[in-house]
N, C-alpha and C. Protein backbone atom coordinates (compact mmCIF):
# COMPACT_ATOMS: atom_id res chain seq x y z
N MET A 1 -13.07 12.88 -24.55
CA MET A 1 -14.66 12.45 -24.35
C MET A 1 -14.76 11.22 -23.67
N ARG A 2 -15.73 10.90 -22.82
CA ARG A 2 -16.08 9.67 -22.21
C ARG A 2 -16.96 8.86 -22.81
N PHE A 3 -16.62 7.63 -23.00
CA PHE A 3 -17.32 6.63 -24.04
C PHE A 3 -18.29 5.97 -22.81
N TYR A 4 -19.48 6.37 -22.61
CA TYR A 4 -20.45 5.84 -21.61
C TYR A 4 -20.92 4.28 -21.91
N GLU A 5 -20.80 4.10 -23.44
CA GLU A 5 -21.40 2.84 -23.80
C GLU A 5 -20.43 1.73 -23.46
N THR A 6 -19.21 2.01 -22.94
CA THR A 6 -18.22 1.05 -22.75
C THR A 6 -18.80 0.54 -21.41
N TYR A 7 -19.47 1.17 -20.47
CA TYR A 7 -19.87 0.76 -19.19
C TYR A 7 -21.32 0.34 -19.22
N GLU A 8 -21.98 -0.25 -20.37
CA GLU A 8 -23.19 -0.64 -20.16
C GLU A 8 -23.66 -1.61 -19.17
N TRP A 9 -22.91 -2.61 -19.19
CA TRP A 9 -23.08 -3.63 -18.09
C TRP A 9 -22.90 -3.08 -16.60
N PHE A 10 -22.15 -2.16 -16.60
CA PHE A 10 -21.95 -1.75 -15.22
C PHE A 10 -23.28 -0.92 -14.80
N THR A 11 -23.81 -0.41 -15.79
CA THR A 11 -24.96 0.50 -15.61
C THR A 11 -26.07 -0.41 -15.36
N LEU A 12 -26.17 -1.63 -15.82
CA LEU A 12 -27.07 -2.51 -15.52
C LEU A 12 -27.00 -3.06 -14.09
N PHE A 13 -25.90 -3.28 -13.68
CA PHE A 13 -25.64 -3.71 -12.27
C PHE A 13 -25.90 -2.72 -11.30
N LEU A 14 -25.63 -1.34 -11.67
CA LEU A 14 -25.73 -0.34 -10.65
C LEU A 14 -27.48 0.07 -10.63
N MET A 15 -28.18 -0.27 -11.63
CA MET A 15 -29.41 -0.31 -11.79
C MET A 15 -30.21 -1.32 -10.69
N ILE A 16 -29.63 -2.42 -10.82
CA ILE A 16 -29.98 -3.49 -10.06
C ILE A 16 -29.83 -3.24 -8.50
N ALA A 17 -28.55 -2.56 -8.16
CA ALA A 17 -28.21 -2.01 -6.99
C ALA A 17 -29.32 -0.92 -6.54
N LEU A 18 -29.39 -0.10 -7.36
CA LEU A 18 -30.51 0.97 -7.06
C LEU A 18 -31.89 0.33 -6.78
N LEU A 19 -32.25 -0.43 -7.62
CA LEU A 19 -33.61 -1.10 -7.34
C LEU A 19 -33.54 -1.80 -6.01
N ALA A 20 -32.51 -2.63 -5.59
CA ALA A 20 -32.51 -3.10 -4.36
C ALA A 20 -32.66 -2.17 -3.18
N LEU A 21 -31.95 -1.04 -3.37
CA LEU A 21 -32.15 0.04 -2.24
C LEU A 21 -33.54 0.62 -2.31
N ALA A 22 -34.22 0.73 -3.29
CA ALA A 22 -35.63 1.13 -3.46
C ALA A 22 -36.52 0.06 -2.97
N SER A 23 -36.35 -1.14 -3.19
CA SER A 23 -36.99 -2.29 -2.57
C SER A 23 -36.99 -2.30 -1.06
N ALA A 24 -35.70 -2.24 -0.57
CA ALA A 24 -35.64 -1.94 1.13
C ALA A 24 -36.59 -0.86 1.48
N LYS A 25 -36.41 0.25 0.82
CA LYS A 25 -37.20 1.31 1.29
C LYS A 25 -38.71 1.09 1.40
N ILE A 26 -39.24 0.53 0.28
CA ILE A 26 -40.54 0.14 0.14
C ILE A 26 -41.01 -0.81 1.07
N LEU A 27 -40.13 -1.82 1.24
CA LEU A 27 -40.54 -2.89 2.16
C LEU A 27 -40.81 -2.46 3.65
N ASN A 28 -39.87 -1.42 4.12
CA ASN A 28 -40.10 -0.84 5.38
C ASN A 28 -39.54 0.47 5.36
N THR A 29 -40.30 1.53 5.22
CA THR A 29 -39.90 2.88 4.98
C THR A 29 -39.41 3.46 6.18
N LEU A 30 -40.17 3.23 7.50
CA LEU A 30 -39.63 3.73 8.72
C LEU A 30 -38.14 3.17 9.02
N LYS A 31 -38.10 1.92 8.68
CA LYS A 31 -36.76 1.23 9.28
C LYS A 31 -35.72 1.75 8.27
N PHE A 32 -36.11 1.95 7.02
CA PHE A 32 -34.95 2.57 6.11
C PHE A 32 -34.59 3.96 6.54
N VAL A 33 -35.52 4.86 6.89
CA VAL A 33 -35.29 6.31 7.38
C VAL A 33 -34.44 6.15 8.80
N ASP A 34 -34.76 5.12 9.60
CA ASP A 34 -33.89 4.99 10.62
C ASP A 34 -32.59 4.56 10.54
N PHE A 35 -32.30 3.74 9.29
CA PHE A 35 -31.17 3.12 8.99
C PHE A 35 -30.23 4.36 8.51
N ILE A 36 -30.89 5.21 7.67
CA ILE A 36 -29.98 6.29 6.90
C ILE A 36 -29.50 6.99 8.19
N LYS A 37 -30.23 7.32 9.27
CA LYS A 37 -29.59 8.04 10.29
C LYS A 37 -28.71 7.34 11.29
N VAL A 38 -28.29 6.26 11.03
CA VAL A 38 -27.57 5.29 11.92
C VAL A 38 -26.35 6.03 12.36
N ILE A 39 -25.76 6.78 11.66
CA ILE A 39 -24.33 7.33 12.11
C ILE A 39 -24.65 8.51 13.00
N GLY A 40 -24.40 8.33 14.31
CA GLY A 40 -24.61 9.39 15.21
C GLY A 40 -25.97 9.36 15.89
N ASN A 41 -26.70 8.22 15.73
CA ASN A 41 -27.93 7.89 16.35
C ASN A 41 -28.10 6.47 16.52
N SER A 42 -28.17 6.06 17.83
CA SER A 42 -28.17 4.47 18.20
C SER A 42 -29.63 3.96 18.16
N LYS A 43 -30.66 4.85 17.67
CA LYS A 43 -32.01 4.25 17.85
C LYS A 43 -32.03 3.06 16.69
N TYR A 44 -31.49 2.95 15.70
CA TYR A 44 -31.78 1.94 14.75
C TYR A 44 -31.29 0.63 15.36
N ILE A 45 -29.95 0.69 16.14
CA ILE A 45 -29.37 -0.58 16.63
C ILE A 45 -30.39 -0.97 17.85
N LYS A 46 -30.63 -0.17 18.60
CA LYS A 46 -31.41 -0.44 19.88
C LYS A 46 -32.64 -1.10 19.52
N ILE A 47 -33.30 -0.57 18.53
CA ILE A 47 -34.82 -1.11 18.28
C ILE A 47 -34.85 -2.38 17.48
N TYR A 48 -33.89 -2.32 16.32
CA TYR A 48 -34.09 -3.43 15.24
C TYR A 48 -33.16 -4.58 15.66
N SER A 49 -32.25 -4.50 16.39
CA SER A 49 -31.38 -5.62 16.98
C SER A 49 -32.14 -6.55 17.84
N LYS A 50 -33.18 -6.12 18.41
CA LYS A 50 -34.01 -6.91 19.24
C LYS A 50 -35.04 -7.85 18.32
N THR A 51 -35.40 -7.45 17.10
CA THR A 51 -36.20 -8.20 16.39
C THR A 51 -35.52 -8.80 15.07
N GLN A 52 -34.20 -8.87 15.20
CA GLN A 52 -33.52 -9.41 13.96
C GLN A 52 -33.78 -10.91 13.78
N LYS A 53 -33.64 -11.23 12.44
CA LYS A 53 -33.82 -12.64 12.17
C LYS A 53 -32.63 -13.16 11.52
N PHE A 54 -32.55 -14.57 11.29
CA PHE A 54 -31.31 -15.04 10.70
C PHE A 54 -31.27 -14.51 9.22
N PHE A 55 -32.57 -14.62 8.62
CA PHE A 55 -32.61 -13.88 7.21
C PHE A 55 -33.73 -12.82 7.30
N ASP A 56 -33.45 -11.88 6.72
CA ASP A 56 -34.32 -10.67 6.60
C ASP A 56 -34.09 -10.09 5.25
N TRP A 57 -35.39 -9.93 4.64
CA TRP A 57 -35.41 -9.23 3.33
C TRP A 57 -34.77 -7.81 3.20
N PHE A 58 -35.04 -7.00 4.25
CA PHE A 58 -34.54 -5.66 4.38
C PHE A 58 -32.98 -5.70 4.35
N ASP A 59 -32.40 -6.57 5.06
CA ASP A 59 -31.11 -6.53 5.11
C ASP A 59 -30.41 -7.20 3.63
N ALA A 60 -31.16 -8.21 3.19
CA ALA A 60 -30.93 -8.72 1.95
C ALA A 60 -30.72 -7.98 0.80
N PHE A 61 -31.68 -6.99 0.75
CA PHE A 61 -31.84 -5.91 -0.35
C PHE A 61 -30.44 -5.04 -0.21
N LEU A 62 -30.35 -4.64 1.10
CA LEU A 62 -29.05 -3.83 1.11
C LEU A 62 -27.82 -4.46 0.86
N PHE A 63 -27.88 -5.74 1.31
CA PHE A 63 -26.63 -6.55 1.01
C PHE A 63 -26.37 -6.80 -0.66
N ILE A 64 -27.44 -6.83 -1.36
CA ILE A 64 -27.18 -6.86 -2.76
C ILE A 64 -26.53 -5.70 -3.42
N ASN A 65 -26.97 -4.45 -2.74
CA ASN A 65 -26.36 -3.13 -3.09
C ASN A 65 -24.97 -3.21 -2.71
N LEU A 66 -24.76 -3.67 -1.53
CA LEU A 66 -23.17 -3.55 -0.90
C LEU A 66 -22.35 -4.34 -1.70
N VAL A 67 -22.83 -5.49 -2.23
CA VAL A 67 -21.96 -6.52 -2.94
C VAL A 67 -21.72 -5.81 -4.37
N ILE A 68 -22.70 -5.37 -4.83
CA ILE A 68 -22.40 -4.94 -6.34
C ILE A 68 -21.52 -3.62 -6.14
N SER A 69 -21.90 -2.79 -5.42
CA SER A 69 -21.17 -1.32 -5.30
C SER A 69 -19.74 -1.73 -4.88
N VAL A 70 -19.51 -2.72 -3.90
CA VAL A 70 -18.06 -2.97 -3.56
C VAL A 70 -17.36 -3.54 -4.65
N SER A 71 -17.98 -4.44 -5.47
CA SER A 71 -17.43 -4.96 -6.45
C SER A 71 -17.00 -3.98 -7.68
N VAL A 72 -17.70 -3.06 -7.69
CA VAL A 72 -17.45 -2.13 -8.84
C VAL A 72 -16.15 -1.20 -8.50
N VAL A 73 -16.31 -0.67 -7.16
CA VAL A 73 -15.30 0.25 -6.60
C VAL A 73 -13.92 -0.87 -6.50
N PHE A 74 -14.02 -2.07 -6.21
CA PHE A 74 -12.73 -2.97 -6.13
C PHE A 74 -12.29 -3.03 -7.52
N TYR A 75 -13.05 -3.09 -8.40
CA TYR A 75 -12.69 -3.39 -9.74
C TYR A 75 -11.78 -2.21 -10.42
N PHE A 76 -12.44 -0.88 -9.96
CA PHE A 76 -11.75 0.26 -10.34
C PHE A 76 -10.50 0.46 -9.61
N SER A 77 -10.35 0.17 -8.31
CA SER A 77 -9.24 0.20 -7.53
C SER A 77 -8.17 -0.67 -7.93
N LEU A 78 -8.50 -1.99 -8.29
CA LEU A 78 -7.41 -2.75 -8.99
C LEU A 78 -6.75 -2.39 -10.02
N SER A 79 -7.63 -1.84 -10.96
CA SER A 79 -7.03 -1.16 -12.33
C SER A 79 -6.23 0.10 -11.98
N GLU A 80 -6.61 0.84 -10.76
CA GLU A 80 -5.99 1.94 -10.62
C GLU A 80 -4.71 1.96 -10.25
N PHE A 81 -4.64 1.19 -9.18
CA PHE A 81 -3.50 1.02 -8.19
C PHE A 81 -2.60 -0.28 -8.33
N PHE A 82 -3.12 -1.18 -8.94
CA PHE A 82 -2.37 -2.62 -8.96
C PHE A 82 -1.93 -3.16 -10.36
N PHE A 83 -2.91 -3.48 -11.01
CA PHE A 83 -2.70 -4.02 -12.38
C PHE A 83 -3.97 -3.87 -13.30
N SER A 84 -3.69 -3.58 -14.63
CA SER A 84 -4.85 -3.41 -15.60
C SER A 84 -5.74 -4.75 -15.56
N LEU A 85 -7.04 -4.38 -15.62
CA LEU A 85 -8.07 -5.44 -15.61
C LEU A 85 -8.69 -5.46 -17.08
N ASP A 86 -9.07 -6.43 -17.80
CA ASP A 86 -9.97 -6.32 -18.91
C ASP A 86 -11.28 -5.84 -18.45
N LEU A 87 -12.01 -5.03 -19.33
CA LEU A 87 -13.22 -4.53 -19.14
C LEU A 87 -14.07 -5.69 -19.66
N SER A 88 -14.30 -6.56 -18.79
CA SER A 88 -15.25 -7.73 -19.28
C SER A 88 -16.19 -8.22 -18.07
N LEU A 89 -17.24 -8.61 -18.52
CA LEU A 89 -18.30 -9.04 -17.75
C LEU A 89 -17.87 -10.13 -16.82
N VAL A 90 -17.17 -11.18 -17.46
CA VAL A 90 -16.85 -12.42 -16.87
C VAL A 90 -15.71 -11.97 -15.56
N VAL A 91 -14.88 -10.99 -15.81
CA VAL A 91 -14.17 -10.58 -14.75
C VAL A 91 -14.61 -9.99 -13.63
N PHE A 92 -15.69 -9.16 -13.96
CA PHE A 92 -16.52 -8.50 -12.66
C PHE A 92 -17.48 -9.52 -12.09
N LEU A 93 -17.95 -10.59 -12.69
CA LEU A 93 -18.66 -11.36 -12.07
C LEU A 93 -17.78 -12.45 -11.19
N LYS A 94 -16.74 -12.60 -11.45
CA LYS A 94 -15.62 -13.32 -10.64
C LYS A 94 -15.57 -12.43 -9.26
N LEU A 95 -15.37 -11.18 -9.60
CA LEU A 95 -15.14 -10.29 -8.45
C LEU A 95 -16.43 -10.27 -7.48
N LEU A 96 -17.51 -10.13 -8.29
CA LEU A 96 -18.91 -10.22 -7.52
C LEU A 96 -18.90 -11.40 -6.59
N LEU A 97 -18.75 -12.62 -7.35
CA LEU A 97 -18.81 -13.86 -6.43
C LEU A 97 -17.70 -13.93 -5.20
N ALA A 98 -16.64 -13.43 -5.67
CA ALA A 98 -15.58 -13.28 -4.59
C ALA A 98 -15.98 -12.38 -3.50
N VAL A 99 -16.46 -11.29 -3.49
CA VAL A 99 -16.87 -10.38 -2.65
C VAL A 99 -17.97 -10.85 -1.53
N SER A 100 -18.84 -11.49 -2.52
CA SER A 100 -20.24 -11.94 -1.81
C SER A 100 -19.93 -13.23 -0.96
N SER A 101 -18.95 -14.11 -1.57
CA SER A 101 -18.57 -15.30 -0.53
C SER A 101 -17.62 -14.93 0.44
N LEU A 102 -16.96 -13.94 0.40
CA LEU A 102 -16.00 -13.40 1.46
C LEU A 102 -16.74 -13.05 2.77
N ILE A 103 -17.74 -12.12 2.30
CA ILE A 103 -18.68 -11.44 3.39
C ILE A 103 -19.54 -12.61 4.14
N LEU A 104 -20.28 -13.51 3.19
CA LEU A 104 -21.10 -14.60 3.68
C LEU A 104 -20.31 -15.60 4.58
N ILE A 105 -19.11 -16.00 4.13
CA ILE A 105 -18.40 -16.96 4.89
C ILE A 105 -17.91 -16.44 6.17
N LYS A 106 -17.39 -15.25 6.15
CA LYS A 106 -16.84 -14.48 7.33
C LYS A 106 -18.21 -14.46 8.34
N THR A 107 -19.41 -14.09 7.99
CA THR A 107 -20.42 -13.83 8.81
C THR A 107 -20.88 -15.37 9.38
N LEU A 108 -20.86 -16.31 8.63
CA LEU A 108 -21.21 -17.41 9.03
C LEU A 108 -20.25 -18.00 10.09
N LEU A 109 -18.95 -17.78 9.85
CA LEU A 109 -17.93 -18.35 10.67
C LEU A 109 -17.90 -17.60 12.09
N GLU A 110 -18.38 -16.34 12.03
CA GLU A 110 -18.40 -15.69 13.34
C GLU A 110 -19.75 -16.20 14.18
N ARG A 111 -20.73 -16.42 13.39
CA ARG A 111 -21.89 -17.11 14.02
C ARG A 111 -21.47 -18.35 14.70
N LEU A 112 -20.86 -19.16 14.06
CA LEU A 112 -20.43 -20.46 14.44
C LEU A 112 -19.50 -20.39 15.80
N LEU A 113 -18.75 -19.30 15.66
CA LEU A 113 -17.79 -19.13 16.91
C LEU A 113 -18.64 -18.85 18.06
N GLY A 114 -19.65 -17.83 17.76
CA GLY A 114 -20.57 -17.37 18.86
C GLY A 114 -21.39 -18.80 19.46
N SER A 115 -21.80 -19.72 18.57
CA SER A 115 -22.28 -21.06 19.08
C SER A 115 -21.31 -21.77 19.84
N LEU A 116 -19.97 -21.87 19.38
CA LEU A 116 -19.15 -22.80 20.16
C LEU A 116 -18.84 -22.25 21.36
N PHE A 117 -18.78 -20.99 21.48
CA PHE A 117 -18.33 -20.30 22.81
C PHE A 117 -19.62 -19.92 23.70
N GLN A 118 -20.78 -20.24 23.17
CA GLN A 118 -21.95 -19.99 23.80
C GLN A 118 -22.21 -18.59 24.23
N ILE A 119 -21.83 -17.74 23.33
CA ILE A 119 -22.23 -16.26 23.38
C ILE A 119 -23.25 -15.97 22.34
N ASP A 120 -24.07 -16.74 21.87
CA ASP A 120 -24.99 -16.37 20.90
C ASP A 120 -25.72 -14.98 20.64
N GLN A 121 -26.20 -14.81 21.98
CA GLN A 121 -26.81 -13.54 22.13
C GLN A 121 -26.03 -12.22 21.80
N ILE A 122 -24.68 -12.37 22.33
CA ILE A 122 -23.78 -11.11 22.35
C ILE A 122 -23.27 -11.14 20.90
N MET A 123 -23.03 -12.28 20.28
CA MET A 123 -22.49 -12.43 18.85
C MET A 123 -23.51 -11.89 17.92
N ASP A 124 -24.77 -12.27 18.17
CA ASP A 124 -25.87 -11.74 17.39
C ASP A 124 -25.98 -10.23 17.29
N HIS A 125 -26.00 -9.68 18.43
CA HIS A 125 -26.16 -8.08 18.52
C HIS A 125 -24.90 -7.55 17.85
N TYR A 126 -23.64 -8.29 18.10
CA TYR A 126 -22.47 -7.68 17.61
C TYR A 126 -22.49 -7.83 15.97
N LEU A 127 -22.82 -8.89 15.45
CA LEU A 127 -23.07 -9.14 14.15
C LEU A 127 -24.17 -8.10 13.41
N PHE A 128 -25.15 -7.88 14.17
CA PHE A 128 -26.36 -6.82 13.73
C PHE A 128 -25.61 -5.56 13.47
N MET A 129 -24.56 -5.16 14.43
CA MET A 129 -24.03 -3.90 14.41
C MET A 129 -23.11 -3.70 13.36
N LYS A 130 -22.43 -5.07 13.01
CA LYS A 130 -21.27 -4.98 11.98
C LYS A 130 -22.04 -4.91 10.56
N ILE A 131 -23.18 -5.67 10.41
CA ILE A 131 -24.02 -5.84 9.28
C ILE A 131 -24.67 -4.45 8.92
N THR A 132 -25.15 -3.78 10.05
CA THR A 132 -25.47 -2.45 9.72
C THR A 132 -24.61 -1.66 9.26
N TYR A 133 -23.48 -1.36 9.82
CA TYR A 133 -22.39 -0.27 9.30
C TYR A 133 -21.95 -0.85 7.95
N LYS A 134 -21.75 -2.07 7.71
CA LYS A 134 -21.40 -2.56 6.25
C LYS A 134 -22.29 -2.19 5.25
N ASN A 135 -23.70 -2.38 5.64
CA ASN A 135 -24.83 -1.95 4.61
C ASN A 135 -24.77 -0.42 4.50
N TYR A 136 -24.57 0.21 5.59
CA TYR A 136 -24.31 1.75 5.53
C TYR A 136 -23.32 2.06 4.57
N SER A 137 -22.19 1.50 4.54
CA SER A 137 -21.06 1.55 3.75
C SER A 137 -21.36 1.37 2.21
N GLY A 138 -22.35 0.54 2.05
CA GLY A 138 -22.86 0.25 0.83
C GLY A 138 -23.24 1.34 -0.01
N LEU A 139 -23.96 2.22 0.86
CA LEU A 139 -24.46 3.72 0.17
C LEU A 139 -23.34 4.43 -0.37
N VAL A 140 -22.22 4.55 0.49
CA VAL A 140 -21.12 5.25 -0.10
C VAL A 140 -20.54 4.63 -1.12
N PHE A 141 -20.40 3.16 -1.04
CA PHE A 141 -19.79 2.59 -2.39
C PHE A 141 -20.70 2.81 -3.54
N PHE A 142 -21.87 2.95 -3.50
CA PHE A 142 -22.75 3.17 -4.46
C PHE A 142 -22.54 4.62 -5.08
N ALA A 143 -22.51 5.68 -4.30
CA ALA A 143 -22.29 6.80 -4.76
C ALA A 143 -20.78 6.99 -5.45
N THR A 144 -19.88 6.18 -4.83
CA THR A 144 -18.55 6.13 -5.39
C THR A 144 -18.49 5.47 -6.76
N SER A 145 -19.30 4.52 -6.93
CA SER A 145 -19.51 3.79 -8.33
C SER A 145 -19.88 4.71 -9.51
N VAL A 146 -21.02 5.38 -8.92
CA VAL A 146 -21.55 6.48 -9.74
C VAL A 146 -20.50 7.42 -10.32
N LEU A 147 -19.77 8.00 -9.29
CA LEU A 147 -18.70 8.98 -9.59
C LEU A 147 -17.59 8.47 -10.62
N LEU A 148 -17.23 6.98 -10.32
CA LEU A 148 -16.06 6.35 -11.11
C LEU A 148 -16.56 6.19 -12.44
N ILE A 149 -17.97 5.93 -12.61
CA ILE A 149 -18.22 5.56 -14.04
C ILE A 149 -18.69 6.69 -14.78
N TYR A 150 -19.46 7.77 -14.22
CA TYR A 150 -20.15 8.67 -14.91
C TYR A 150 -19.41 10.00 -14.92
N THR A 151 -18.30 10.31 -13.97
CA THR A 151 -17.93 11.59 -14.01
C THR A 151 -16.32 11.47 -14.52
N ALA A 152 -15.77 12.53 -14.80
CA ALA A 152 -14.37 12.75 -15.35
C ALA A 152 -13.53 12.99 -14.16
N LEU A 153 -13.86 12.97 -12.85
CA LEU A 153 -13.07 13.22 -11.67
C LEU A 153 -12.04 12.18 -11.69
N PRO A 154 -10.74 12.46 -11.15
CA PRO A 154 -9.66 11.62 -11.09
C PRO A 154 -10.06 10.40 -10.30
N LYS A 155 -9.98 9.09 -10.84
CA LYS A 155 -10.39 8.09 -10.10
C LYS A 155 -9.59 7.90 -8.81
N ASN A 156 -8.30 8.07 -8.75
CA ASN A 156 -7.35 7.76 -7.39
C ASN A 156 -8.14 8.65 -6.41
N VAL A 157 -8.50 9.94 -6.70
CA VAL A 157 -8.96 10.77 -5.65
C VAL A 157 -10.33 10.31 -5.20
N VAL A 158 -11.19 10.07 -6.09
CA VAL A 158 -12.56 9.41 -5.63
C VAL A 158 -12.34 8.23 -4.71
N ILE A 159 -11.58 7.26 -5.15
CA ILE A 159 -11.16 6.15 -4.39
C ILE A 159 -10.78 6.42 -3.00
N TYR A 160 -9.84 7.37 -2.87
CA TYR A 160 -9.30 7.84 -1.70
C TYR A 160 -10.34 8.34 -0.71
N LEU A 161 -11.04 9.13 -1.44
CA LEU A 161 -12.34 9.68 -0.43
C LEU A 161 -13.12 8.72 0.00
N CYS A 162 -13.43 7.69 -0.87
CA CYS A 162 -14.36 6.72 -0.50
C CYS A 162 -13.69 5.85 0.67
N ILE A 163 -12.32 5.61 0.59
CA ILE A 163 -11.92 4.70 1.71
C ILE A 163 -11.79 5.43 3.06
N GLY A 164 -11.50 6.70 2.90
CA GLY A 164 -11.54 7.53 4.20
C GLY A 164 -12.98 7.59 4.87
N THR A 165 -14.06 7.81 3.96
CA THR A 165 -15.43 7.91 4.62
C THR A 165 -15.73 6.48 5.22
N ILE A 166 -15.30 5.38 4.45
CA ILE A 166 -15.67 4.04 4.75
C ILE A 166 -14.94 3.84 6.27
N CYS A 167 -13.71 4.24 6.30
CA CYS A 167 -12.99 4.05 7.55
C CYS A 167 -13.76 4.87 8.78
N LEU A 168 -14.11 6.27 8.45
CA LEU A 168 -14.88 6.99 9.47
C LEU A 168 -16.09 6.11 10.01
N ILE A 169 -16.91 5.57 9.06
CA ILE A 169 -18.13 4.84 9.31
C ILE A 169 -17.85 3.74 10.30
N HIS A 170 -16.85 2.97 9.82
CA HIS A 170 -16.57 1.79 10.61
C HIS A 170 -15.85 2.04 12.11
N LEU A 171 -15.23 3.28 12.05
CA LEU A 171 -14.61 3.71 13.22
C LEU A 171 -15.69 4.16 14.42
N VAL A 172 -16.93 4.67 13.68
CA VAL A 172 -17.99 4.91 14.56
C VAL A 172 -18.69 3.67 15.02
N GLY A 173 -18.74 2.70 14.20
CA GLY A 173 -19.30 1.46 14.56
C GLY A 173 -18.53 0.71 15.59
N PHE A 174 -17.16 0.75 15.43
CA PHE A 174 -16.15 0.20 16.43
C PHE A 174 -16.27 0.93 17.80
N LEU A 175 -16.28 2.22 17.85
CA LEU A 175 -16.51 3.01 19.12
C LEU A 175 -17.82 2.58 19.81
N GLY A 176 -18.89 2.35 19.12
CA GLY A 176 -20.12 1.87 19.47
C GLY A 176 -20.15 0.59 20.12
N LEU A 177 -19.34 -0.44 19.42
CA LEU A 177 -18.99 -1.67 20.03
C LEU A 177 -18.56 -1.59 21.40
N ILE A 178 -17.19 -0.89 21.56
CA ILE A 178 -16.46 -0.70 22.69
C ILE A 178 -17.40 -0.16 23.87
N LYS A 179 -18.26 0.87 23.42
CA LYS A 179 -19.08 1.51 24.56
C LYS A 179 -20.05 0.44 24.98
N THR A 180 -20.58 -0.45 23.94
CA THR A 180 -21.66 -1.27 24.43
C THR A 180 -21.08 -2.37 25.18
N TYR A 181 -20.00 -2.80 24.97
CA TYR A 181 -19.49 -4.20 25.50
C TYR A 181 -18.25 -3.92 26.29
N GLN A 182 -17.87 -2.63 26.73
CA GLN A 182 -16.56 -2.19 27.54
C GLN A 182 -16.14 -3.14 28.39
N ASN A 183 -17.12 -3.43 29.51
CA ASN A 183 -16.78 -4.33 30.64
C ASN A 183 -16.45 -5.74 29.94
N LEU A 184 -17.25 -6.22 29.30
CA LEU A 184 -16.73 -7.65 28.79
C LEU A 184 -15.36 -7.60 28.00
N ILE A 185 -15.35 -6.47 27.22
CA ILE A 185 -14.07 -6.51 26.48
C ILE A 185 -12.71 -6.25 27.35
N ILE A 186 -13.12 -5.54 28.47
CA ILE A 186 -11.81 -5.23 29.42
C ILE A 186 -11.36 -6.57 30.27
N THR A 187 -12.47 -7.35 30.36
CA THR A 187 -12.25 -8.58 31.35
C THR A 187 -11.68 -9.74 30.19
N ASN A 188 -11.80 -9.64 28.83
CA ASN A 188 -11.46 -10.54 28.11
C ASN A 188 -10.61 -9.76 26.93
N ILE A 189 -9.60 -8.96 27.33
CA ILE A 189 -9.03 -8.21 26.11
C ILE A 189 -8.22 -9.02 25.38
N PHE A 190 -7.58 -10.11 25.86
CA PHE A 190 -6.70 -11.02 25.10
C PHE A 190 -7.49 -11.47 24.06
N TYR A 191 -8.73 -12.27 24.28
CA TYR A 191 -9.39 -12.78 23.35
C TYR A 191 -10.09 -11.79 22.26
N PHE A 192 -10.16 -10.59 22.75
CA PHE A 192 -10.85 -9.66 21.96
C PHE A 192 -9.73 -9.22 20.95
N LEU A 193 -8.48 -9.05 21.34
CA LEU A 193 -7.40 -8.70 20.49
C LEU A 193 -7.07 -9.74 19.61
N LEU A 194 -7.24 -11.09 19.98
CA LEU A 194 -7.13 -12.17 19.15
C LEU A 194 -8.01 -12.43 17.88
N TYR A 195 -9.29 -12.05 18.54
CA TYR A 195 -10.28 -11.91 17.43
C TYR A 195 -10.25 -10.88 16.41
N LEU A 196 -9.71 -9.66 16.74
CA LEU A 196 -9.55 -8.59 15.89
C LEU A 196 -8.51 -8.98 14.88
N CYS A 197 -7.26 -9.45 15.30
CA CYS A 197 -6.11 -9.84 14.46
C CYS A 197 -6.51 -10.98 13.57
N THR A 198 -7.25 -12.00 14.00
CA THR A 198 -7.75 -12.96 13.33
C THR A 198 -8.62 -13.06 12.11
N LEU A 199 -9.82 -12.41 12.63
CA LEU A 199 -10.96 -12.31 11.96
C LEU A 199 -11.24 -10.90 11.07
N GLU A 200 -10.55 -9.80 11.76
CA GLU A 200 -11.10 -8.46 11.23
C GLU A 200 -9.98 -7.86 10.42
N ILE A 201 -8.71 -8.03 10.97
CA ILE A 201 -7.48 -7.36 10.25
C ILE A 201 -6.89 -8.42 9.33
N GLY A 202 -6.91 -9.75 9.80
CA GLY A 202 -5.95 -10.81 9.18
C GLY A 202 -6.31 -11.15 7.77
N PRO A 203 -7.80 -11.10 7.47
CA PRO A 203 -8.12 -11.38 6.04
C PRO A 203 -7.77 -10.32 5.18
N TYR A 204 -7.79 -9.15 5.50
CA TYR A 204 -7.45 -7.94 4.60
C TYR A 204 -6.18 -7.88 4.33
N ILE A 205 -5.19 -8.15 5.23
CA ILE A 205 -3.84 -8.15 5.16
C ILE A 205 -3.60 -9.36 4.03
N LEU A 206 -4.17 -10.58 4.21
CA LEU A 206 -3.77 -11.69 3.25
C LEU A 206 -4.32 -11.20 1.91
N LEU A 207 -5.59 -10.62 1.87
CA LEU A 207 -5.92 -10.18 0.46
C LEU A 207 -5.14 -9.26 -0.09
N TYR A 208 -4.56 -8.27 0.63
CA TYR A 208 -3.74 -7.20 -0.03
C TYR A 208 -2.24 -7.88 -0.31
N LYS A 209 -1.84 -9.00 0.24
CA LYS A 209 -0.56 -9.44 0.06
C LYS A 209 -0.75 -10.25 -1.32
N ALA A 210 -2.02 -10.95 -1.35
CA ALA A 210 -2.11 -11.84 -2.48
C ALA A 210 -2.26 -10.98 -3.73
N ILE A 211 -2.95 -9.65 -3.71
CA ILE A 211 -3.02 -8.96 -4.78
C ILE A 211 -1.63 -8.27 -5.06
N LYS A 212 -0.79 -7.91 -4.11
CA LYS A 212 0.54 -7.47 -4.47
C LYS A 212 1.38 -8.58 -4.96
N ASP A 213 1.38 -9.72 -4.49
CA ASP A 213 2.08 -10.94 -5.13
C ASP A 213 1.76 -11.26 -6.52
N TYR A 214 0.31 -11.18 -6.81
CA TYR A 214 -0.17 -11.34 -7.96
C TYR A 214 0.49 -10.06 -9.11
N ASN A 215 0.53 -8.97 -8.65
CA ASN A 215 1.11 -7.99 -9.33
C ASN A 215 2.54 -7.83 -9.59
N ALA A 216 3.40 -8.83 -8.94
CA ALA A 216 4.58 -8.54 -8.91
C ALA A 216 5.22 -9.20 -10.10
């Protein structure tokens, strides 16, 4: 038997995430519909990248869902594959803070690099694409969180399916990036690869190593 009361505070956070998604839809229904169709349809990127702001409530609501849902999946992933975590609110809040800080700091750092190299317009469009696909991934993470908490499906299978789906989403985004900036990337291939290794791949390798060392 599955004791759902064990996950009461998980339910509370998922309700907040669901409320955030509903708020984004209510705030701009047309934009939300276009956002849902972003995979395989470049309309959302082309239209809304031109009117993006440094702070946007629509993206903020989607970010709330992303952070909460990623934290829930990360919590179960650590428990399933690395080491057992105490089922405590304090531990989850620490994960929540770590995930949100990592995403925000990384985004601000990339904006800073755009300013330093005087490529603000390119970096803004690039970050809009990245943020869009990250927020879209948040929908998958939300669905995965629900499956992990409220179903008896094998957690490892659910997590692997989630990872596979997220990789496909980001692959679509990466191919879209290459298509948009192929000429610029080709002429600056060294810097592009350096960026990928430093800011896109490096942090996750370090995070994985830190978790493995902690578990050793």
